[in-house]
Amino acid sequence: MRRLVLFGAAALMGSFLSSCFFMGPSVKGNGEVRTEERKVEPFSGVSVTSGMNVELIQGEEQNVKVVADANLHKLIETHVEDGILEIRALANIWRANEKKVVVTVRDLDEISGTAGSNISSGNQLVADQLKVRGSAGSNIRLEIEGQQVELSGSSGANIRLKGGAHQFRVKTSSGANIKAGDFLASTCDVDASSGGNVWVSVQNELTADASSGGNIFYQGTPPQITVNTSSGGNIIKK
């Protein structure tokens, strides 16, 4: 029962936080979907906010395309700052047939989603080092193959990973849910607190710390395991 209460609270938190941006006047799409290519400076990271939908594709040539109702294009901002492609809506978009940005990039080292944004990968993303962050009700679904992958989720974010990494560091808090049971890590360092929930799959070494109602579920039989629980945290083998 306690676990159900925690999951329910996480879902409510994510719904509330993702709706916070959508306060005030809204703009409705006109139903006429158009594609527009945007020219931007080189980038190696992507940051998405304000309920936008983004598809990430790894390819040889950098490309940014906005696929949205025609009257919404002027409200979708794409610009690069300090090597990060920032994507956001400049107004509340309501009932659009489409409001998506398709991003093709060769090398990617950082992905961030917040404020109800939705991020997915169109193919497997390969990287030596990659940081992924989700917060404030964002939804992130990625397939990754990397050497070192660092993942954090907070404030009702929902993150799902497939693929694998040699080193995987993951932290969840404040009602976030991270489902990485289909993401095989050789070594995994995982921390869950404040009602955060995380599922991982580990092969060789697991270090896990659960506190303040955080829940860690792991699969696999790693020969080296170090675990610590406190303040109602749980670590459970699946």
C-alpha atoms as a PDB file:
ATOM      1  CA  MET A   1       0.000   0.000   0.000  1.00  0.00           C
ATOM      2  CA  ARG A   2       2.815   2.393   0.883  1.00  0.00           C
ATOM      3  CA  ARG A   3       4.456   1.816  -2.495  1.00  0.00           C
ATOM      4  CA  LEU A   4       1.186   2.498  -4.291  1.00  0.00           C
ATOM      5  CA  VAL A   5       0.806   5.751  -2.385  1.00  0.00           C
ATOM      6  CA  LEU A   6       4.312   6.806  -3.411  1.00  0.00           C
ATOM      7  CA  PHE A   7       3.713   5.997  -7.073  1.00  0.00           C
ATOM      8  CA  GLY A   8       0.382   7.810  -6.996  1.00  0.00           C
ATOM      9  CA  ALA A   9       1.974  10.869  -5.443  1.00  0.00           C
ATOM     10  CA  ALA A  10       4.684  10.812  -8.111  1.00  0.00           C
ATOM     11  CA  ALA A  11       2.104  10.701 -10.886  1.00  0.00           C
ATOM     12  CA  LEU A  12       0.146  13.586  -9.384  1.00  0.00           C
ATOM     13  CA  MET A  13       3.328  15.622  -8.951  1.00  0.00           C
ATOM     14  CA  GLY A  14       4.338  15.059 -12.567  1.00  0.00           C
ATOM     15  CA  SER A  15       0.894  16.063 -13.812  1.00  0.00           C
ATOM     16  CA  PHE A  16       0.880  19.215 -11.702  1.00  0.00           C
ATOM     17  CA  LEU A  17       4.387  20.313 -12.629  1.00  0.00           C
ATOM     18  CA  SER A  18       3.934  19.654 -16.340  1.00  0.00           C
ATOM     19  CA  SER A  19       0.786  21.778 -16.301  1.00  0.00           C
ATOM     20  CA  CYS A  20       2.394  24.739 -14.549  1.00  0.00           C
ATOM     21  CA  PHE A  21       3.617  26.212 -17.839  1.00  0.00           C
ATOM     22  CA  PHE A  22       0.135  26.087 -19.335  1.00  0.00           C
ATOM     23  CA  MET A  23      -1.302  28.933 -17.293  1.00  0.00           C
ATOM     24  CA  GLY A  24      -2.706  32.030 -18.973  1.00  0.00           C
ATOM     25  CA  PRO A  25      -3.784  32.583 -22.611  1.00  0.00           C
ATOM     26  CA  SER A  26      -3.310  29.710 -25.060  1.00  0.00           C
ATOM     27  CA  VAL A  27      -2.766  29.502 -28.808  1.00  0.00           C
ATOM     28  CA  LYS A  28      -4.567  26.838 -30.846  1.00  0.00           C
ATOM     29  CA  GLY A  29      -2.982  25.270 -33.901  1.00  0.00           C
ATOM     30  CA  ASN A  30      -4.692  25.896 -37.246  1.00  0.00           C
ATOM     31  CA  GLY A  31      -4.398  22.244 -38.302  1.00  0.00           C
ATOM     32  CA  GLU A  32      -2.153  22.922 -41.311  1.00  0.00           C
ATOM     33  CA  VAL A  33       1.093  21.102 -40.509  1.00  0.00           C
ATOM     34  CA  ARG A  34       4.238  22.447 -42.152  1.00  0.00           C
ATOM     35  CA  THR A  35       7.927  21.588 -41.920  1.00  0.00           C
ATOM     36  CA  GLU A  36      10.568  24.290 -41.600  1.00  0.00           C
ATOM     37  CA  GLU A  37      14.328  23.828 -41.456  1.00  0.00           C
ATOM     38  CA  ARG A  38      16.138  26.026 -38.959  1.00  0.00           C
ATOM     39  CA  LYS A  39      19.735  27.146 -39.309  1.00  0.00           C
ATOM     40  CA  VAL A  40      21.570  27.131 -35.987  1.00  0.00           C
ATOM     41  CA  GLU A  41      25.148  27.201 -34.749  1.00  0.00           C
ATOM     42  CA  PRO A  42      26.962  23.927 -33.973  1.00  0.00           C
ATOM     43  CA  PHE A  43      25.868  22.255 -30.730  1.00  0.00           C
ATOM     44  CA  SER A  44      26.524  19.098 -28.705  1.00  0.00           C
ATOM     45  CA  GLY A  45      23.711  19.362 -26.155  1.00  0.00           C
ATOM     46  CA  VAL A  46      19.939  19.756 -26.272  1.00  0.00           C
ATOM     47  CA  SER A  47      17.661  21.430 -23.701  1.00  0.00           C
ATOM     48  CA  VAL A  48      13.873  21.222 -24.073  1.00  0.00           C
ATOM     49  CA  THR A  49      11.177  22.980 -22.063  1.00  0.00           C
ATOM     50  CA  SER A  50       7.596  24.317 -22.072  1.00  0.00           C
ATOM     51  CA  GLY A  51       5.822  21.189 -23.261  1.00  0.00           C
ATOM     52  CA  MET A  52       7.654  20.839 -26.577  1.00  0.00           C
ATOM     53  CA  ASN A  53       8.096  17.466 -28.321  1.00  0.00           C
ATOM     54  CA  VAL A  54      11.581  16.645 -29.589  1.00  0.00           C
ATOM     55  CA  GLU A  55      12.938  13.664 -31.524  1.00  0.00           C
ATOM     56  CA  LEU A  56      16.704  13.121 -31.419  1.00  0.00           C
ATOM     57  CA  ILE A  57      18.459  11.374 -34.299  1.00  0.00           C
ATOM     58  CA  GLN A  58      22.176  10.669 -34.510  1.00  0.00           C
ATOM     59  CA  GLY A  59      23.499  11.348 -38.001  1.00  0.00           C
ATOM     60  CA  GLU A  60      26.460  12.707 -39.908  1.00  0.00           C
ATOM     61  CA  GLU A  61      24.957  16.121 -40.707  1.00  0.00           C
ATOM     62  CA  GLN A  62      23.521  18.530 -38.132  1.00  0.00           C
ATOM     63  CA  ASN A  63      19.920  19.437 -38.885  1.00  0.00           C
ATOM     64  CA  VAL A  64      17.012  21.048 -37.017  1.00  0.00           C
ATOM     65  CA  LYS A  65      13.464  20.813 -38.394  1.00  0.00           C
ATOM     66  CA  VAL A  66      10.293  22.217 -36.871  1.00  0.00           C
ATOM     67  CA  VAL A  67       7.177  20.199 -37.707  1.00  0.00           C
ATOM     68  CA  ALA A  68       4.128  22.096 -36.469  1.00  0.00           C
ATOM     69  CA  ASP A  69       0.863  23.762 -37.342  1.00  0.00           C
ATOM     70  CA  ALA A  70       1.668  26.712 -39.616  1.00  0.00           C
ATOM     71  CA  ASN A  71       0.572  29.416 -37.185  1.00  0.00           C
ATOM     72  CA  LEU A  72       2.755  27.971 -34.417  1.00  0.00           C
ATOM     73  CA  HIS A  73       6.164  28.141 -36.106  1.00  0.00           C
ATOM     74  CA  LYS A  74       6.778  31.706 -34.936  1.00  0.00           C
ATOM     75  CA  LEU A  75       6.088  30.577 -31.355  1.00  0.00           C
ATOM     76  CA  ILE A  76       8.683  27.793 -31.358  1.00  0.00           C
ATOM     77  CA  GLU A  77      12.155  29.014 -30.497  1.00  0.00           C
ATOM     78  CA  THR A  78      15.350  27.156 -31.413  1.00  0.00           C
ATOM     79  CA  HIS A  79      18.674  28.782 -30.623  1.00  0.00           C
ATOM     80  CA  VAL A  80      22.133  27.752 -29.462  1.00  0.00           C
ATOM     81  CA  GLU A  81      23.740  29.119 -26.324  1.00  0.00           C
ATOM     82  CA  ASP A  82      27.097  27.882 -25.012  1.00  0.00           C
ATOM     83  CA  GLY A  83      26.937  24.837 -27.260  1.00  0.00           C
ATOM     84  CA  ILE A  84      23.425  23.849 -26.127  1.00  0.00           C
ATOM     85  CA  LEU A  85      20.470  23.838 -28.522  1.00  0.00           C
ATOM     86  CA  GLU A  86      17.594  25.325 -26.529  1.00  0.00           C
ATOM     87  CA  ILE A  87      14.063  24.498 -27.658  1.00  0.00           C
ATOM     88  CA  ARG A  88      10.970  26.075 -26.163  1.00  0.00           C
ATOM     89  CA  ALA A  89       7.532  27.481 -26.908  1.00  0.00           C
ATOM     90  CA  LEU A  90       7.064  31.219 -26.491  1.00  0.00           C
ATOM     91  CA  ALA A  91       3.357  30.821 -25.673  1.00  0.00           C
ATOM     92  CA  ASN A  92       1.004  28.149 -24.407  1.00  0.00           C
ATOM     93  CA  ILE A  93       0.185  25.853 -27.330  1.00  0.00           C
ATOM     94  CA  TRP A  94      -3.212  24.179 -27.151  1.00  0.00           C
ATOM     95  CA  ARG A  95      -4.605  21.445 -29.405  1.00  0.00           C
ATOM     96  CA  ALA A  96      -1.971  21.456 -32.090  1.00  0.00           C
ATOM     97  CA  ASN A  97      -1.939  18.710 -34.709  1.00  0.00           C
ATOM     98  CA  GLU A  98       1.826  18.790 -34.324  1.00  0.00           C
ATOM     99  CA  LYS A  99       4.420  20.728 -32.308  1.00  0.00           C
ATOM    100  CA  LYS A 100       7.611  18.757 -32.782  1.00  0.00           C
ATOM    101  CA  VAL A 101      11.255  19.539 -33.424  1.00  0.00           C
ATOM    102  CA  VAL A 102      13.364  16.862 -35.131  1.00  0.00           C
ATOM    103  CA  VAL A 103      17.032  17.241 -34.243  1.00  0.00           C
ATOM    104  CA  THR A 104      19.812  15.435 -36.098  1.00  0.00           C
ATOM    105  CA  VAL A 105      23.232  15.675 -34.485  1.00  0.00           C
ATOM    106  CA  ARG A 106      26.516  13.821 -34.859  1.00  0.00           C
ATOM    107  CA  ASP A 107      27.941  14.068 -31.330  1.00  0.00           C
ATOM    108  CA  LEU A 108      25.778  14.525 -28.260  1.00  0.00           C
ATOM    109  CA  ASP A 109      26.951  14.853 -24.662  1.00  0.00           C
ATOM    110  CA  GLU A 110      23.988  16.431 -22.842  1.00  0.00           C
ATOM    111  CA  ILE A 111      20.194  16.066 -22.933  1.00  0.00           C
ATOM    112  CA  SER A 112      17.862  18.001 -20.644  1.00  0.00           C
ATOM    113  CA  GLY A 113      14.074  18.103 -20.416  1.00  0.00           C
ATOM    114  CA  THR A 114      11.825  20.093 -18.090  1.00  0.00           C
ATOM    115  CA  ALA A 115       8.372  21.682 -17.762  1.00  0.00           C
ATOM    116  CA  GLY A 116       6.345  18.907 -19.370  1.00  0.00           C
ATOM    117  CA  SER A 117       8.607  18.440 -22.383  1.00  0.00           C
ATOM    118  CA  ASN A 118       8.739  15.142 -24.294  1.00  0.00           C
ATOM    119  CA  ILE A 119      12.033  13.810 -25.670  1.00  0.00           C
ATOM    120  CA  SER A 120      12.554  10.588 -27.632  1.00  0.00           C
ATOM    121  CA  SER A 121      15.303   9.064 -29.771  1.00  0.00           C
ATOM    122  CA  GLY A 122      14.662   8.122 -33.384  1.00  0.00           C
ATOM    123  CA  ASN A 123      17.632   5.754 -33.413  1.00  0.00           C
ATOM    124  CA  GLN A 124      20.285   4.535 -31.004  1.00  0.00           C
ATOM    125  CA  LEU A 125      22.416   7.356 -29.605  1.00  0.00           C
ATOM    126  CA  VAL A 126      26.085   6.387 -29.286  1.00  0.00           C
ATOM    127  CA  ALA A 127      28.315   8.476 -27.009  1.00  0.00           C
ATOM    128  CA  ASP A 128      31.453   8.148 -24.918  1.00  0.00           C
ATOM    129  CA  GLN A 129      30.045  10.390 -22.183  1.00  0.00           C
ATOM    130  CA  LEU A 130      26.432  11.488 -21.926  1.00  0.00           C
ATOM    131  CA  LYS A 131      24.447  13.327 -19.262  1.00  0.00           C
ATOM    132  CA  VAL A 132      20.642  13.112 -19.226  1.00  0.00           C
ATOM    133  CA  ARG A 133      18.481  15.219 -16.916  1.00  0.00           C
ATOM    134  CA  GLY A 134      14.712  15.253 -16.532  1.00  0.00           C
ATOM    135  CA  SER A 135      12.608  17.373 -14.182  1.00  0.00           C
ATOM    136  CA  ALA A 136       9.251  19.076 -13.675  1.00  0.00           C
ATOM    137  CA  GLY A 137       7.044  16.450 -15.280  1.00  0.00           C
ATOM    138  CA  SER A 138       9.159  15.868 -18.375  1.00  0.00           C
ATOM    139  CA  ASN A 139       8.954  12.567 -20.282  1.00  0.00           C
ATOM    140  CA  ILE A 140      12.136  11.118 -21.775  1.00  0.00           C
ATOM    141  CA  ARG A 141      12.467   7.867 -23.756  1.00  0.00           C
ATOM    142  CA  LEU A 142      15.910   7.095 -25.176  1.00  0.00           C
ATOM    143  CA  GLU A 143      17.988   4.260 -26.586  1.00  0.00           C
ATOM    144  CA  ILE A 144      21.634   4.825 -25.678  1.00  0.00           C
ATOM    145  CA  GLU A 145      24.921   2.969 -26.060  1.00  0.00           C
ATOM    146  CA  GLY A 146      27.697   4.666 -24.105  1.00  0.00           C
ATOM    147  CA  GLN A 147      30.836   4.296 -22.064  1.00  0.00           C
ATOM    148  CA  GLN A 148      29.796   6.640 -19.250  1.00  0.00           C
ATOM    149  CA  VAL A 149      26.158   7.634 -18.836  1.00  0.00           C
ATOM    150  CA  GLU A 150      24.918   9.903 -16.054  1.00  0.00           C
ATOM    151  CA  LEU A 151      21.179  10.211 -15.496  1.00  0.00           C
ATOM    152  CA  SER A 152      19.151  12.285 -13.037  1.00  0.00           C
ATOM    153  CA  GLY A 153      15.410  12.645 -12.587  1.00  0.00           C
ATOM    154  CA  SER A 154      13.478  14.872 -10.203  1.00  0.00           C
ATOM    155  CA  SER A 155      10.143  16.581  -9.594  1.00  0.00           C
ATOM    156  CA  GLY A 156       7.866  14.020 -11.195  1.00  0.00           C
ATOM    157  CA  ALA A 157       9.918  13.328 -14.321  1.00  0.00           C
ATOM    158  CA  ASN A 158       9.418  10.024 -16.150  1.00  0.00           C
ATOM    159  CA  ILE A 159      12.471   8.566 -17.887  1.00  0.00           C
ATOM    160  CA  ARG A 160      12.854   5.267 -19.745  1.00  0.00           C
ATOM    161  CA  LEU A 161      16.171   3.972 -21.129  1.00  0.00           C
ATOM    162  CA  LYS A 162      17.178   1.088 -23.386  1.00  0.00           C
ATOM    163  CA  GLY A 163      20.651   0.029 -24.445  1.00  0.00           C
ATOM    164  CA  GLY A 164      23.673  -0.123 -22.183  1.00  0.00           C
ATOM    165  CA  ALA A 165      26.797   1.480 -20.740  1.00  0.00           C
ATOM    166  CA  HIS A 166      30.037   0.476 -19.094  1.00  0.00           C
ATOM    167  CA  GLN A 167      29.519   2.951 -16.232  1.00  0.00           C
ATOM    168  CA  PHE A 168      26.053   4.124 -15.245  1.00  0.00           C
ATOM    169  CA  ARG A 169      25.333   6.705 -12.556  1.00  0.00           C
ATOM    170  CA  VAL A 170      21.693   7.401 -11.817  1.00  0.00           C
ATOM    171  CA  LYS A 171      19.928   9.570  -9.260  1.00  0.00           C
ATOM    172  CA  THR A 172      16.204  10.009  -8.702  1.00  0.00           C
ATOM    173  CA  SER A 173      14.322  12.197  -6.234  1.00  0.00           C
ATOM    174  CA  SER A 174      11.100  14.096  -5.604  1.00  0.00           C
ATOM    175  CA  GLY A 175       8.730  11.557  -7.104  1.00  0.00           C
ATOM    176  CA  ALA A 176      10.598  10.949 -10.357  1.00  0.00           C
ATOM    177  CA  ASN A 177      10.421   7.523 -12.021  1.00  0.00           C
ATOM    178  CA  ILE A 178      13.399   6.130 -13.925  1.00  0.00           C
ATOM    179  CA  LYS A 179      12.889   2.825 -15.743  1.00  0.00           C
ATOM    180  CA  ALA A 180      16.235   1.490 -16.928  1.00  0.00           C
ATOM    181  CA  GLY A 181      15.621  -2.243 -16.563  1.00  0.00           C
ATOM    182  CA  ASP A 182      16.365  -2.640 -20.292  1.00  0.00           C
ATOM    183  CA  PHE A 183      19.576  -0.629 -19.969  1.00  0.00           C
ATOM    184  CA  LEU A 184      22.393  -3.032 -19.045  1.00  0.00           C
ATOM    185  CA  ALA A 185      25.260  -1.500 -17.076  1.00  0.00           C
ATOM    186  CA  SER A 186      28.550  -3.146 -16.203  1.00  0.00           C
ATOM    187  CA  THR A 187      28.876  -0.978 -13.094  1.00  0.00           C
ATOM    188  CA  CYS A 188      26.011   1.005 -11.611  1.00  0.00           C
ATOM    189  CA  ASP A 189      25.927   3.673  -8.902  1.00  0.00           C
ATOM    190  CA  VAL A 190      22.320   4.469  -8.021  1.00  0.00           C
ATOM    191  CA  ASP A 191      20.717   6.839  -5.504  1.00  0.00           C
ATOM    192  CA  ALA A 192      16.999   7.198  -4.764  1.00  0.00           C
ATOM    193  CA  SER A 193      15.451   9.633  -2.287  1.00  0.00           C
ATOM    194  CA  SER A 194      12.317  11.643  -1.526  1.00  0.00           C
ATOM    195  CA  GLY A 195       9.889   9.212  -3.122  1.00  0.00           C
ATOM    196  CA  GLY A 196      11.917   8.689  -6.277  1.00  0.00           C
ATOM    197  CA  ASN A 197      11.763   5.262  -7.946  1.00  0.00           C
ATOM    198  CA  VAL A 198      14.373   3.650 -10.176  1.00  0.00           C
ATOM    199  CA  TRP A 199      14.741   0.312 -11.978  1.00  0.00           C
ATOM    200  CA  VAL A 200      18.221  -0.763 -13.137  1.00  0.00           C
ATOM    201  CA  SER A 201      19.960  -3.785 -14.639  1.00  0.00           C
ATOM    202  CA  VAL A 202      23.554  -4.413 -13.589  1.00  0.00           C
ATOM    203  CA  GLN A 203      26.146  -7.009 -14.518  1.00  0.00           C
ATOM    204  CA  ASN A 204      29.311  -6.639 -12.414  1.00  0.00           C
ATOM    205  CA  GLU A 205      29.116  -4.045  -9.638  1.00  0.00           C
ATOM    206  CA  LEU A 206      26.230  -2.287  -7.892  1.00  0.00           C
ATOM    207  CA  THR A 207      26.406   0.552  -5.380  1.00  0.00           C
ATOM    208  CA  ALA A 208      22.944   1.577  -4.183  1.00  0.00           C
ATOM    209  CA  ASP A 209      21.659   4.100  -1.636  1.00  0.00           C
ATOM    210  CA  ALA A 210      17.945   4.524  -0.897  1.00  0.00           C
ATOM    211  CA  SER A 211      16.592   7.046   1.610  1.00  0.00           C
ATOM    212  CA  SER A 212      13.512   9.091   2.499  1.00  0.00           C
ATOM    213  CA  GLY A 213      11.049   6.792   0.783  1.00  0.00           C
ATOM    214  CA  GLY A 214      13.159   6.226  -2.312  1.00  0.00           C
ATOM    215  CA  ASN A 215      12.890   2.817  -4.015  1.00  0.00           C
ATOM    216  CA  ILE A 216      15.558   0.983  -6.009  1.00  0.00           C
ATOM    217  CA  PHE A 217      14.679  -2.150  -7.982  1.00  0.00           C
ATOM    218  CA  TYR A 218      17.570  -4.010  -9.594  1.00  0.00           C
ATOM    219  CA  GLN A 219      17.936  -7.070 -11.771  1.00  0.00           C
ATOM    220  CA  GLY A 220      21.004  -9.165 -12.390  1.00  0.00           C
ATOM    221  CA  THR A 221      23.453 -10.950 -10.078  1.00  0.00           C
ATOM    222  CA  PRO A 222      26.491  -8.665  -9.820  1.00  0.00           C
ATOM    223  CA  PRO A 223      29.319 -10.235  -7.760  1.00  0.00           C
ATOM    224  CA  GLN A 224      30.002  -6.927  -6.011  1.00  0.00           C
ATOM    225  CA  ILE A 225      27.107  -5.258  -4.196  1.00  0.00           C
ATOM    226  CA  THR A 226      27.181  -2.375  -1.712  1.00  0.00           C
ATOM    227  CA  VAL A 227      23.809  -1.177  -0.434  1.00  0.00           C
ATOM    228  CA  ASN A 228      22.583   1.317   2.149  1.00  0.00           C
ATOM    229  CA  THR A 229      19.032   2.164   3.211  1.00  0.00           C
ATOM    230  CA  SER A 230      17.697   4.778   5.625  1.00  0.00           C
ATOM    231  CA  SER A 231      14.526   6.705   6.459  1.00  0.00           C
ATOM    232  CA  GLY A 232      12.172   4.299   4.736  1.00  0.00           C
ATOM    233  CA  GLY A 233      14.224   3.693   1.605  1.00  0.00           C
ATOM    234  CA  ASN A 234      14.019   0.283  -0.104  1.00  0.00           C
ATOM    235  CA  ILE A 235      16.393  -1.739  -2.288  1.00  0.00           C
ATOM    236  CA  ILE A 236      14.744  -4.755  -3.909  1.00  0.00           C
ATOM    237  CA  LYS A 237      16.133  -7.448  -6.221  1.00  0.00           C
ATOM    238  CA  LYS A 238      13.757  -8.273  -9.059  1.00  0.00           C
END
